[in-house]
Amino acid sequence: MITALMGEGLEGQLHAKGLPSEPAQGSLSESFGPSGFEDASAIALTKEGIPAAVVSVPTRYVHSPSEVLKLSDLEGVARLLVLFTEESSPDWLTGLSASKIK
């Protein structure tokens, strides 16, 4: 579950900075819809809703003692989150409260 504005903001940073991504299908804002449920869903659905997004690090053998990941993927996610938080304007953040869950 992802609010459209959060998805567009994250996707905008990916494209603006040339960061690679592999959404499940379509655009990032379409990758998590009302049919998916994760911890962010509970947050997004609380009372009037709190804008939320899910950013995943691709891994193999998830939830096993030998789960593995590529360090450059983890570093890329960290870069995306830093860029997103640093470059989000106060006006854009205020507009999140009016954003609807997609």
PDB file of N, CA and C in Angstrom:
ATOM      1  N   MET A   1       0.850  -1.164   0.000  1.00  0.00           N
ATOM      2  CA  MET A   1       0.000   0.000   0.000  1.00  0.00           C
ATOM      3  C   MET A   1       0.898   1.230   0.000  1.00  0.00           C
ATOM      4  N   ILE A   2       0.573   2.148  -0.858  1.00  0.00           N
ATOM      5  CA  ILE A   2       1.404   3.333  -1.009  1.00  0.00           C
ATOM      6  C   ILE A   2       0.508   4.493  -1.414  1.00  0.00           C
ATOM      7  N   THR A   3       0.729   5.659  -0.850  1.00  0.00           N
ATOM      8  CA  THR A   3      -0.025   6.817  -1.309  1.00  0.00           C
ATOM      9  C   THR A   3       0.573   7.258  -2.639  1.00  0.00           C
ATOM     10  N   ALA A   4      -0.278   7.717  -3.540  1.00  0.00           N
ATOM     11  CA  ALA A   4       0.165   8.083  -4.885  1.00  0.00           C
ATOM     12  C   ALA A   4       1.265   9.134  -4.836  1.00  0.00           C
ATOM     13  N   LEU A   5       1.105  10.139  -3.983  1.00  0.00           N
ATOM     14  CA  LEU A   5       2.089  11.215  -3.919  1.00  0.00           C
ATOM     15  C   LEU A   5       3.444  10.714  -3.407  1.00  0.00           C
ATOM     16  N   MET A   6       3.431   9.788  -2.454  1.00  0.00           N
ATOM     17  CA  MET A   6       4.692   9.216  -1.972  1.00  0.00           C
ATOM     18  C   MET A   6       5.375   8.429  -3.089  1.00  0.00           C
ATOM     19  N   GLY A   7       4.601   7.635  -3.820  1.00  0.00           N
ATOM     20  CA  GLY A   7       5.160   6.863  -4.924  1.00  0.00           C
ATOM     21  C   GLY A   7       5.744   7.760  -5.997  1.00  0.00           C
ATOM     22  N   GLU A   8       5.025   8.833  -6.329  1.00  0.00           N
ATOM     23  CA  GLU A   8       5.518   9.769  -7.338  1.00  0.00           C
ATOM     24  C   GLU A   8       6.787  10.476  -6.866  1.00  0.00           C
ATOM     25  N   GLY A   9       6.851  10.822  -5.584  1.00  0.00           N
ATOM     26  CA  GLY A   9       8.040  11.482  -5.047  1.00  0.00           C
ATOM     27  C   GLY A   9       9.258  10.578  -5.073  1.00  0.00           C
ATOM     28  N   LEU A  10       9.081   9.333  -4.665  1.00  0.00           N
ATOM     29  CA  LEU A  10      10.189   8.373  -4.699  1.00  0.00           C
ATOM     30  C   LEU A  10      10.617   8.097  -6.133  1.00  0.00           C
ATOM     31  N   GLU A  11       9.638   7.910  -7.002  1.00  0.00           N
ATOM     32  CA  GLU A  11       9.945   7.633  -8.404  1.00  0.00           C
ATOM     33  C   GLU A  11      10.650   8.828  -9.056  1.00  0.00           C
ATOM     34  N   GLY A  12      10.232  10.034  -8.687  1.00  0.00           N
ATOM     35  CA  GLY A  12      10.874  11.243  -9.211  1.00  0.00           C
ATOM     36  C   GLY A  12      12.342  11.308  -8.832  1.00  0.00           C
ATOM     37  N   GLN A  13      12.674  10.953  -7.599  1.00  0.00           N
ATOM     38  CA  GLN A  13      14.067  10.949  -7.165  1.00  0.00           C
ATOM     39  C   GLN A  13      14.868   9.886  -7.906  1.00  0.00           C
ATOM     40  N   LEU A  14      14.257   8.728  -8.131  1.00  0.00           N
ATOM     41  CA  LEU A  14      14.945   7.675  -8.886  1.00  0.00           C
ATOM     42  C   LEU A  14      15.344   8.175 -10.266  1.00  0.00           C
ATOM     43  N   HIS A  15      14.395   8.792 -10.956  1.00  0.00           N
ATOM     44  CA  HIS A  15      14.651   9.249 -12.325  1.00  0.00           C
ATOM     45  C   HIS A  15      15.586  10.458 -12.350  1.00  0.00           C
ATOM     46  N   ALA A  16      15.386  11.405 -11.430  1.00  0.00           N
ATOM     47  CA  ALA A  16      16.196  12.627 -11.418  1.00  0.00           C
ATOM     48  C   ALA A  16      17.668  12.325 -11.164  1.00  0.00           C
ATOM     49  N   LYS A  17      17.945  11.346 -10.341  1.00  0.00           N
ATOM     50  CA  LYS A  17      19.325  11.018  -9.977  1.00  0.00           C
ATOM     51  C   LYS A  17      19.862   9.809 -10.728  1.00  0.00           C
ATOM     52  N   GLY A  18      19.053   9.246 -11.607  1.00  0.00           N
ATOM     53  CA  GLY A  18      19.510   8.108 -12.403  1.00  0.00           C
ATOM     54  C   GLY A  18      19.755   6.846 -11.587  1.00  0.00           C
ATOM     55  N   LEU A  19      19.022   6.677 -10.490  1.00  0.00           N
ATOM     56  CA  LEU A  19      19.187   5.478  -9.665  1.00  0.00           C
ATOM     57  C   LEU A  19      18.418   4.315 -10.296  1.00  0.00           C
ATOM     58  N   PRO A  20      18.992   3.136 -10.290  1.00  0.00           N
ATOM     59  CA  PRO A  20      18.307   1.979 -10.874  1.00  0.00           C
ATOM     60  C   PRO A  20      17.182   1.493  -9.957  1.00  0.00           C
ATOM     61  N   SER A  21      16.157   0.913 -10.544  1.00  0.00           N
ATOM     62  CA  SER A  21      15.074   0.325  -9.756  1.00  0.00           C
ATOM     63  C   SER A  21      14.454  -0.807 -10.539  1.00  0.00           C
ATOM     64  N   GLU A  22      13.779  -1.671  -9.828  1.00  0.00           N
ATOM     65  CA  GLU A  22      13.087  -2.791 -10.449  1.00  0.00           C
ATOM     66  C   GLU A  22      11.746  -2.985  -9.765  1.00  0.00           C
ATOM     67  N   PRO A  23      10.768  -2.109 -10.056  1.00  0.00           N
ATOM     68  CA  PRO A  23       9.450  -2.328  -9.463  1.00  0.00           C
ATOM     69  C   PRO A  23       8.827  -3.615  -9.980  1.00  0.00           C
ATOM     70  N   ALA A  24       7.941  -4.177  -9.199  1.00  0.00           N
ATOM     71  CA  ALA A  24       7.316  -5.450  -9.567  1.00  0.00           C
ATOM     72  C   ALA A  24       6.627  -5.372 -10.918  1.00  0.00           C
ATOM     73  N   GLN A  25       5.904  -4.297 -11.160  1.00  0.00           N
ATOM     74  CA  GLN A  25       5.243  -4.102 -12.447  1.00  0.00           C
ATOM     75  C   GLN A  25       4.819  -2.654 -12.553  1.00  0.00           C
ATOM     76  N   GLY A  26       4.835  -2.117 -13.756  1.00  0.00           N
ATOM     77  CA  GLY A  26       4.412  -0.733 -13.958  1.00  0.00           C
ATOM     78  C   GLY A  26       5.311   0.235 -13.224  1.00  0.00           C
ATOM     79  N   SER A  27       4.755   1.355 -12.819  1.00  0.00           N
ATOM     80  CA  SER A  27       5.531   2.354 -12.105  1.00  0.00           C
ATOM     81  C   SER A  27       5.601   2.005 -10.621  1.00  0.00           C
ATOM     82  N   LEU A  28       6.508   2.663  -9.911  1.00  0.00           N
ATOM     83  CA  LEU A  28       6.662   2.413  -8.483  1.00  0.00           C
ATOM     84  C   LEU A  28       5.359   2.681  -7.756  1.00  0.00           C
ATOM     85  N   SER A  29       4.645   3.757  -8.135  1.00  0.00           N
ATOM     86  CA  SER A  29       3.408   4.094  -7.442  1.00  0.00           C
ATOM     87  C   SER A  29       2.306   3.069  -7.701  1.00  0.00           C
ATOM     88  N   GLU A  30       2.456   2.229  -8.741  1.00  0.00           N
ATOM     89  CA  GLU A  30       1.473   1.179  -9.012  1.00  0.00           C
ATOM     90  C   GLU A  30       1.878  -0.152  -8.388  1.00  0.00           C
ATOM     91  N   SER A  31       3.111  -0.251  -7.925  1.00  0.00           N
ATOM     92  CA  SER A  31       3.615  -1.535  -7.443  1.00  0.00           C
ATOM     93  C   SER A  31       2.954  -1.994  -6.164  1.00  0.00           C
ATOM     94  N   PHE A  32       2.563  -1.057  -5.321  1.00  0.00           N
ATOM     95  CA  PHE A  32       1.920  -1.409  -4.066  1.00  0.00           C
ATOM     96  C   PHE A  32       0.549  -0.762  -4.066  1.00  0.00           C
ATOM     97  N   GLY A  33      -0.473  -1.549  -4.165  1.00  0.00           N
ATOM     98  CA  GLY A  33      -1.820  -1.019  -4.185  1.00  0.00           C
ATOM     99  C   GLY A  33      -2.612  -1.549  -3.016  1.00  0.00           C
ATOM    100  N   PRO A  34      -3.912  -1.289  -3.005  1.00  0.00           N
ATOM    101  CA  PRO A  34      -4.752  -1.738  -1.902  1.00  0.00           C
ATOM    102  C   PRO A  34      -4.739  -3.254  -1.708  1.00  0.00           C
ATOM    103  N   SER A  35      -4.345  -4.016  -2.733  1.00  0.00           N
ATOM    104  CA  SER A  35      -4.341  -5.467  -2.592  1.00  0.00           C
ATOM    105  C   SER A  35      -3.160  -5.970  -1.773  1.00  0.00           C
ATOM    106  N   GLY A  36      -2.085  -5.200  -1.693  1.00  0.00           N
ATOM    107  CA  GLY A  36      -0.928  -5.610  -0.913  1.00  0.00           C
ATOM    108  C   GLY A  36      -1.068  -5.131   0.523  1.00  0.00           C
ATOM    109  N   PHE A  37      -0.584  -5.905   1.469  1.00  0.00           N
ATOM    110  CA  PHE A  37      -0.674  -5.483   2.866  1.00  0.00           C
ATOM    111  C   PHE A  37       0.653  -5.752   3.546  1.00  0.00           C
ATOM    112  N   GLU A  38       1.203  -4.735   4.140  1.00  0.00           N
ATOM    113  CA  GLU A  38       2.437  -4.822   4.899  1.00  0.00           C
ATOM    114  C   GLU A  38       2.317  -3.842   6.055  1.00  0.00           C
ATOM    115  N   ASP A  39       3.344  -3.670   6.857  1.00  0.00           N
ATOM    116  CA  ASP A  39       3.273  -2.778   8.014  1.00  0.00           C
ATOM    117  C   ASP A  39       2.844  -1.364   7.624  1.00  0.00           C
ATOM    118  N   ALA A  40       3.276  -0.893   6.458  1.00  0.00           N
ATOM    119  CA  ALA A  40       2.907   0.456   6.013  1.00  0.00           C
ATOM    120  C   ALA A  40       1.399   0.566   5.789  1.00  0.00           C
ATOM    121  N   SER A  41       0.733  -0.532   5.465  1.00  0.00           N
ATOM    122  CA  SER A  41      -0.715  -0.493   5.249  1.00  0.00           C
ATOM    123  C   SER A  41      -1.437  -0.100   6.523  1.00  0.00           C
ATOM    124  N   ALA A  42      -1.049  -0.698   7.629  1.00  0.00           N
ATOM    125  CA  ALA A  42      -1.686  -0.371   8.905  1.00  0.00           C
ATOM    126  C   ALA A  42      -1.472   1.103   9.250  1.00  0.00           C
ATOM    127  N   ILE A  43      -0.290   1.617   8.956  1.00  0.00           N
ATOM    128  CA  ILE A  43       0.004   3.024   9.219  1.00  0.00           C
ATOM    129  C   ILE A  43      -0.838   3.908   8.306  1.00  0.00           C
ATOM    130  N   ALA A  44      -0.899   3.567   7.028  1.00  0.00           N
ATOM    131  CA  ALA A  44      -1.630   4.375   6.055  1.00  0.00           C
ATOM    132  C   ALA A  44      -3.126   4.398   6.340  1.00  0.00           C
ATOM    133  N   LEU A  45      -3.649   3.357   6.963  1.00  0.00           N
ATOM    134  CA  LEU A  45      -5.084   3.257   7.209  1.00  0.00           C
ATOM    135  C   LEU A  45      -5.500   3.723   8.594  1.00  0.00           C
ATOM    136  N   THR A  46      -4.569   4.186   9.411  1.00  0.00           N
ATOM    137  CA  THR A  46      -4.880   4.649  10.752  1.00  0.00           C
ATOM    138  C   THR A  46      -5.631   5.973  10.696  1.00  0.00           C
ATOM    139  N   LYS A  47      -6.796   6.009  11.293  1.00  0.00           N
ATOM    140  CA  LYS A  47      -7.654   7.201  11.331  1.00  0.00           C
ATOM    141  C   LYS A  47      -7.756   7.857   9.967  1.00  0.00           C
ATOM    142  N   GLU A  48      -7.287   9.106   9.828  1.00  0.00           N
ATOM    143  CA  GLU A  48      -7.366   9.799   8.543  1.00  0.00           C
ATOM    144  C   GLU A  48      -6.299   9.331   7.580  1.00  0.00           C
ATOM    145  N   GLY A  49      -5.393   8.524   8.028  1.00  0.00           N
ATOM    146  CA  GLY A  49      -4.319   8.008   7.186  1.00  0.00           C
ATOM    147  C   GLY A  49      -3.031   8.779   7.355  1.00  0.00           C
ATOM    148  N   ILE A  50      -1.955   8.067   7.376  1.00  0.00           N
ATOM    149  CA  ILE A  50      -0.619   8.645   7.470  1.00  0.00           C
ATOM    150  C   ILE A  50       0.104   8.221   6.203  1.00  0.00           C
ATOM    151  N   PRO A  51       0.572   9.187   5.402  1.00  0.00           N
ATOM    152  CA  PRO A  51       1.250   8.807   4.159  1.00  0.00           C
ATOM    153  C   PRO A  51       2.380   7.810   4.415  1.00  0.00           C
ATOM    154  N   ALA A  52       2.390   6.755   3.637  1.00  0.00           N
ATOM    155  CA  ALA A  52       3.374   5.700   3.840  1.00  0.00           C
ATOM    156  C   ALA A  52       3.800   5.124   2.499  1.00  0.00           C
ATOM    157  N   ALA A  53       4.977   4.558   2.481  1.00  0.00           N
ATOM    158  CA  ALA A  53       5.491   3.882   1.300  1.00  0.00           C
ATOM    159  C   ALA A  53       6.364   2.721   1.760  1.00  0.00           C
ATOM    160  N   VAL A  54       6.529   1.779   0.881  1.00  0.00           N
ATOM    161  CA  VAL A  54       7.397   0.634   1.151  1.00  0.00           C
ATOM    162  C   VAL A  54       8.539   0.673   0.147  1.00  0.00           C
ATOM    163  N   VAL A  55       9.755   0.622   0.660  1.00  0.00           N
ATOM    164  CA  VAL A  55      10.936   0.543  -0.191  1.00  0.00           C
ATOM    165  C   VAL A  55      11.651  -0.735   0.211  1.00  0.00           C
ATOM    166  N   SER A  56      11.836  -1.621  -0.735  1.00  0.00           N
ATOM    167  CA  SER A  56      12.416  -2.928  -0.441  1.00  0.00           C
ATOM    168  C   SER A  56      13.825  -3.058  -0.990  1.00  0.00           C
ATOM    169  N   VAL A  57      14.605  -3.863  -0.309  1.00  0.00           N
ATOM    170  CA  VAL A  57      15.929  -4.243  -0.777  1.00  0.00           C
ATOM    171  C   VAL A  57      15.791  -5.664  -1.323  1.00  0.00           C
ATOM    172  N   PRO A  58      16.174  -5.871  -2.576  1.00  0.00           N
ATOM    173  CA  PRO A  58      16.057  -7.237  -3.120  1.00  0.00           C
ATOM    174  C   PRO A  58      17.011  -8.193  -2.405  1.00  0.00           C
ATOM    175  N   THR A  59      16.458  -9.322  -1.995  1.00  0.00           N
ATOM    176  CA  THR A  59      17.252 -10.345  -1.305  1.00  0.00           C
ATOM    177  C   THR A  59      16.895 -11.721  -1.858  1.00  0.00           C
ATOM    178  N   ARG A  60      17.692 -12.685  -1.476  1.00  0.00           N
ATOM    179  CA  ARG A  60      17.400 -14.084  -1.785  1.00  0.00           C
ATOM    180  C   ARG A  60      17.337 -14.841  -0.476  1.00  0.00           C
ATOM    181  N   TYR A  61      16.545 -15.893  -0.466  1.00  0.00           N
ATOM    182  CA  TYR A  61      16.394 -16.770   0.694  1.00  0.00           C
ATOM    183  C   TYR A  61      15.890 -15.985   1.913  1.00  0.00           C
ATOM    184  N   VAL A  62      14.877 -15.136   1.670  1.00  0.00           N
ATOM    185  CA  VAL A  62      14.332 -14.281   2.728  1.00  0.00           C
ATOM    186  C   VAL A  62      13.840 -15.122   3.907  1.00  0.00           C
ATOM    187  N   HIS A  63      14.026 -14.606   5.092  1.00  0.00           N
ATOM    188  CA  HIS A  63      13.635 -15.238   6.360  1.00  0.00           C
ATOM    189  C   HIS A  63      14.351 -16.560   6.621  1.00  0.00           C
ATOM    190  N   SER A  64      15.529 -16.710   6.088  1.00  0.00           N
ATOM    191  CA  SER A  64      16.305 -17.922   6.364  1.00  0.00           C
ATOM    192  C   SER A  64      17.634 -17.503   6.998  1.00  0.00           C
ATOM    193  N   PRO A  65      18.343 -18.426   7.615  1.00  0.00           N
ATOM    194  CA  PRO A  65      19.637 -18.081   8.212  1.00  0.00           C
ATOM    195  C   PRO A  65      20.680 -17.648   7.183  1.00  0.00           C
ATOM    196  N   SER A  66      20.418 -17.954   5.909  1.00  0.00           N
ATOM    197  CA  SER A  66      21.409 -17.620   4.880  1.00  0.00           C
ATOM    198  C   SER A  66      20.893 -16.567   3.893  1.00  0.00           C
ATOM    199  N   GLU A  67      20.017 -15.677   4.365  1.00  0.00           N
ATOM    200  CA  GLU A  67      19.513 -14.616   3.487  1.00  0.00           C
ATOM    201  C   GLU A  67      20.687 -13.788   2.972  1.00  0.00           C
ATOM    202  N   VAL A  68      20.678 -13.467   1.690  1.00  0.00           N
ATOM    203  CA  VAL A  68      21.787 -12.718   1.098  1.00  0.00           C
ATOM    204  C   VAL A  68      21.247 -11.523   0.323  1.00  0.00           C
ATOM    205  N   LEU A  69      22.104 -10.525   0.190  1.00  0.00           N
ATOM    206  CA  LEU A  69      21.771  -9.361  -0.606  1.00  0.00           C
ATOM    207  C   LEU A  69      23.034  -8.805  -1.226  1.00  0.00           C
ATOM    208  N   LYS A  70      22.850  -7.985  -2.225  1.00  0.00           N
ATOM    209  CA  LYS A  70      23.963  -7.323  -2.882  1.00  0.00           C
ATOM    210  C   LYS A  70      24.165  -5.978  -2.177  1.00  0.00           C
ATOM    211  N   LEU A  71      25.356  -5.730  -1.668  1.00  0.00           N
ATOM    212  CA  LEU A  71      25.598  -4.503  -0.905  1.00  0.00           C
ATOM    213  C   LEU A  71      25.288  -3.248  -1.714  1.00  0.00           C
ATOM    214  N   SER A  72      25.533  -3.270  -3.010  1.00  0.00           N
ATOM    215  CA  SER A  72      25.234  -2.088  -3.824  1.00  0.00           C
ATOM    216  C   SER A  72      23.730  -1.818  -3.868  1.00  0.00           C
ATOM    217  N   ASP A  73      22.884  -2.861  -3.769  1.00  0.00           N
ATOM    218  CA  ASP A  73      21.434  -2.658  -3.702  1.00  0.00           C
ATOM    219  C   ASP A  73      21.056  -1.957  -2.395  1.00  0.00           C
ATOM    220  N   LEU A  74      21.643  -2.401  -1.303  1.00  0.00           N
ATOM    221  CA  LEU A  74      21.386  -1.780  -0.005  1.00  0.00           C
ATOM    222  C   LEU A  74      21.847  -0.322   0.004  1.00  0.00           C
ATOM    223  N   GLU A  75      23.017  -0.072  -0.566  1.00  0.00           N
ATOM    224  CA  GLU A  75      23.527   1.301  -0.643  1.00  0.00           C
ATOM    225  C   GLU A  75      22.630   2.169  -1.524  1.00  0.00           C
ATOM    226  N   GLY A  76      22.084   1.601  -2.594  1.00  0.00           N
ATOM    227  CA  GLY A  76      21.183   2.344  -3.471  1.00  0.00           C
ATOM    228  C   GLY A  76      19.901   2.743  -2.769  1.00  0.00           C
ATOM    229  N   VAL A  77      19.354   1.840  -1.971  1.00  0.00           N
ATOM    230  CA  VAL A  77      18.145   2.152  -1.196  1.00  0.00           C
ATOM    231  C   VAL A  77      18.454   3.249  -0.185  1.00  0.00           C
ATOM    232  N   ALA A  78      19.598   3.166   0.461  1.00  0.00           N
ATOM    233  CA  ALA A  78      19.993   4.207   1.418  1.00  0.00           C
ATOM    234  C   ALA A  78      20.124   5.559   0.721  1.00  0.00           C
ATOM    235  N   ARG A  79      20.734   5.582  -0.468  1.00  0.00           N
ATOM    236  CA  ARG A  79      20.863   6.838  -1.238  1.00  0.00           C
ATOM    237  C   ARG A  79      19.493   7.405  -1.598  1.00  0.00           C
ATOM    238  N   LEU A  80      18.583   6.536  -2.028  1.00  0.00           N
ATOM    239  CA  LEU A  80      17.237   6.979  -2.381  1.00  0.00           C
ATOM    240  C   LEU A  80      16.551   7.625  -1.184  1.00  0.00           C
ATOM    241  N   LEU A  81      16.610   6.995  -0.033  1.00  0.00           N
ATOM    242  CA  LEU A  81      15.944   7.537   1.149  1.00  0.00           C
ATOM    243  C   LEU A  81      16.562   8.856   1.605  1.00  0.00           C
ATOM    244  N   VAL A  82      17.883   8.964   1.527  1.00  0.00           N
ATOM    245  CA  VAL A  82      18.551  10.222   1.883  1.00  0.00           C
ATOM    246  C   VAL A  82      18.116  11.328   0.921  1.00  0.00           C
ATOM    247  N   LEU A  83      18.155  11.063  -0.371  1.00  0.00           N
ATOM    248  CA  LEU A  83      17.743  12.057  -1.363  1.00  0.00           C
ATOM    249  C   LEU A  83      16.295  12.473  -1.162  1.00  0.00           C
ATOM    250  N   PHE A  84      15.442  11.499  -0.927  1.00  0.00           N
ATOM    251  CA  PHE A  84      14.022  11.772  -0.757  1.00  0.00           C
ATOM    252  C   PHE A  84      13.774  12.677   0.447  1.00  0.00           C
ATOM    253  N   THR A  85      14.427  12.387   1.556  1.00  0.00           N
ATOM    254  CA  THR A  85      14.204  13.208   2.756  1.00  0.00           C
ATOM    255  C   THR A  85      14.865  14.575   2.639  1.00  0.00           C
ATOM    256  N   GLU A  86      16.033  14.652   2.020  1.00  0.00           N
ATOM    257  CA  GLU A  86      16.722  15.937   1.890  1.00  0.00           C
ATOM    258  C   GLU A  86      16.036  16.873   0.896  1.00  0.00           C
ATOM    259  N   GLU A  87      15.453  16.315  -0.145  1.00  0.00           N
ATOM    260  CA  GLU A  87      14.938  17.156  -1.218  1.00  0.00           C
ATOM    261  C   GLU A  87      13.419  17.325  -1.202  1.00  0.00           C
ATOM    262  N   SER A  88      12.760  16.832  -0.173  1.00  0.00           N
ATOM    263  CA  SER A  88      11.317  17.033  -0.053  1.00  0.00           C
ATOM    264  C   SER A  88      11.061  18.392   0.582  1.00  0.00           C
ATOM    265  N   SER A  89      10.342  19.250  -0.130  1.00  0.00           N
ATOM    266  CA  SER A  89      10.083  20.599   0.371  1.00  0.00           C
ATOM    267  C   SER A  89       8.981  20.570   1.430  1.00  0.00           C
ATOM    268  N   PRO A  90       8.977  21.563   2.320  1.00  0.00           N
ATOM    269  CA  PRO A  90       7.912  21.632   3.331  1.00  0.00           C
ATOM    270  C   PRO A  90       6.513  21.690   2.702  1.00  0.00           C
ATOM    271  N   ASP A  91       6.376  22.403   1.574  1.00  0.00           N
ATOM    272  CA  ASP A  91       5.071  22.475   0.910  1.00  0.00           C
ATOM    273  C   ASP A  91       4.647  21.105   0.399  1.00  0.00           C
ATOM    274  N   TRP A  92       5.586  20.357  -0.176  1.00  0.00           N
ATOM    275  CA  TRP A  92       5.269  19.023  -0.672  1.00  0.00           C
ATOM    276  C   TRP A  92       4.863  18.122   0.490  1.00  0.00           C
ATOM    277  N   LEU A  93       5.596  18.215   1.596  1.00  0.00           N
ATOM    278  CA  LEU A  93       5.270  17.395   2.765  1.00  0.00           C
ATOM    279  C   LEU A  93       3.888  17.734   3.321  1.00  0.00           C
ATOM    280  N   THR A  94       3.539  19.014   3.320  1.00  0.00           N
ATOM    281  CA  THR A  94       2.208  19.426   3.781  1.00  0.00           C
ATOM    282  C   THR A  94       1.131  18.839   2.877  1.00  0.00           C
ATOM    283  N   GLY A  95       1.398  18.781   1.579  1.00  0.00           N
ATOM    284  CA  GLY A  95       0.437  18.215   0.633  1.00  0.00           C
ATOM    285  C   GLY A  95       0.219  16.731   0.804  1.00  0.00           C
ATOM    286  N   LEU A  96       1.113  16.058   1.505  1.00  0.00           N
ATOM    287  CA  LEU A  96       0.944  14.622   1.718  1.00  0.00           C
ATOM    288  C   LEU A  96      -0.319  14.306   2.519  1.00  0.00           C
ATOM    289  N   SER A  97      -0.689  15.196   3.419  1.00  0.00           N
ATOM    290  CA  SER A  97      -1.861  14.908   4.250  1.00  0.00           C
ATOM    291  C   SER A  97      -3.136  14.846   3.427  1.00  0.00           C
ATOM    292  N   ALA A  98      -3.148  15.467   2.253  1.00  0.00           N
ATOM    293  CA  ALA A  98      -4.321  15.423   1.381  1.00  0.00           C
ATOM    294  C   ALA A  98      -4.230  14.290   0.363  1.00  0.00           C
ATOM    295  N   SER A  99      -3.106  13.589   0.342  1.00  0.00           N
ATOM    296  CA  SER A  99      -2.871  12.525  -0.633  1.00  0.00           C
ATOM    297  C   SER A  99      -3.741  11.313  -0.294  1.00  0.00           C
ATOM    298  N   LYS A 100      -4.279  10.697  -1.323  1.00  0.00           N
ATOM    299  CA  LYS A 100      -5.142   9.521  -1.142  1.00  0.00           C
ATOM    300  C   LYS A 100      -4.353   8.247  -1.369  1.00  0.00           C
ATOM    301  N   ILE A 101      -4.754   7.206  -0.679  1.00  0.00           N
ATOM    302  CA  ILE A 101      -4.144   5.899  -0.872  1.00  0.00           C
ATOM    303  C   ILE A 101      -4.559   5.378  -2.229  1.00  0.00           C
ATOM    304  N   LYS A 102      -3.575   4.857  -2.948  1.00  0.00           N
ATOM    305  CA  LYS A 102      -3.834   4.332  -4.290  1.00  0.00           C
ATOM    306  C   LYS A 102      -4.248   2.890  -4.231  1.00  0.00           C
TER     307      LYS A 102
END
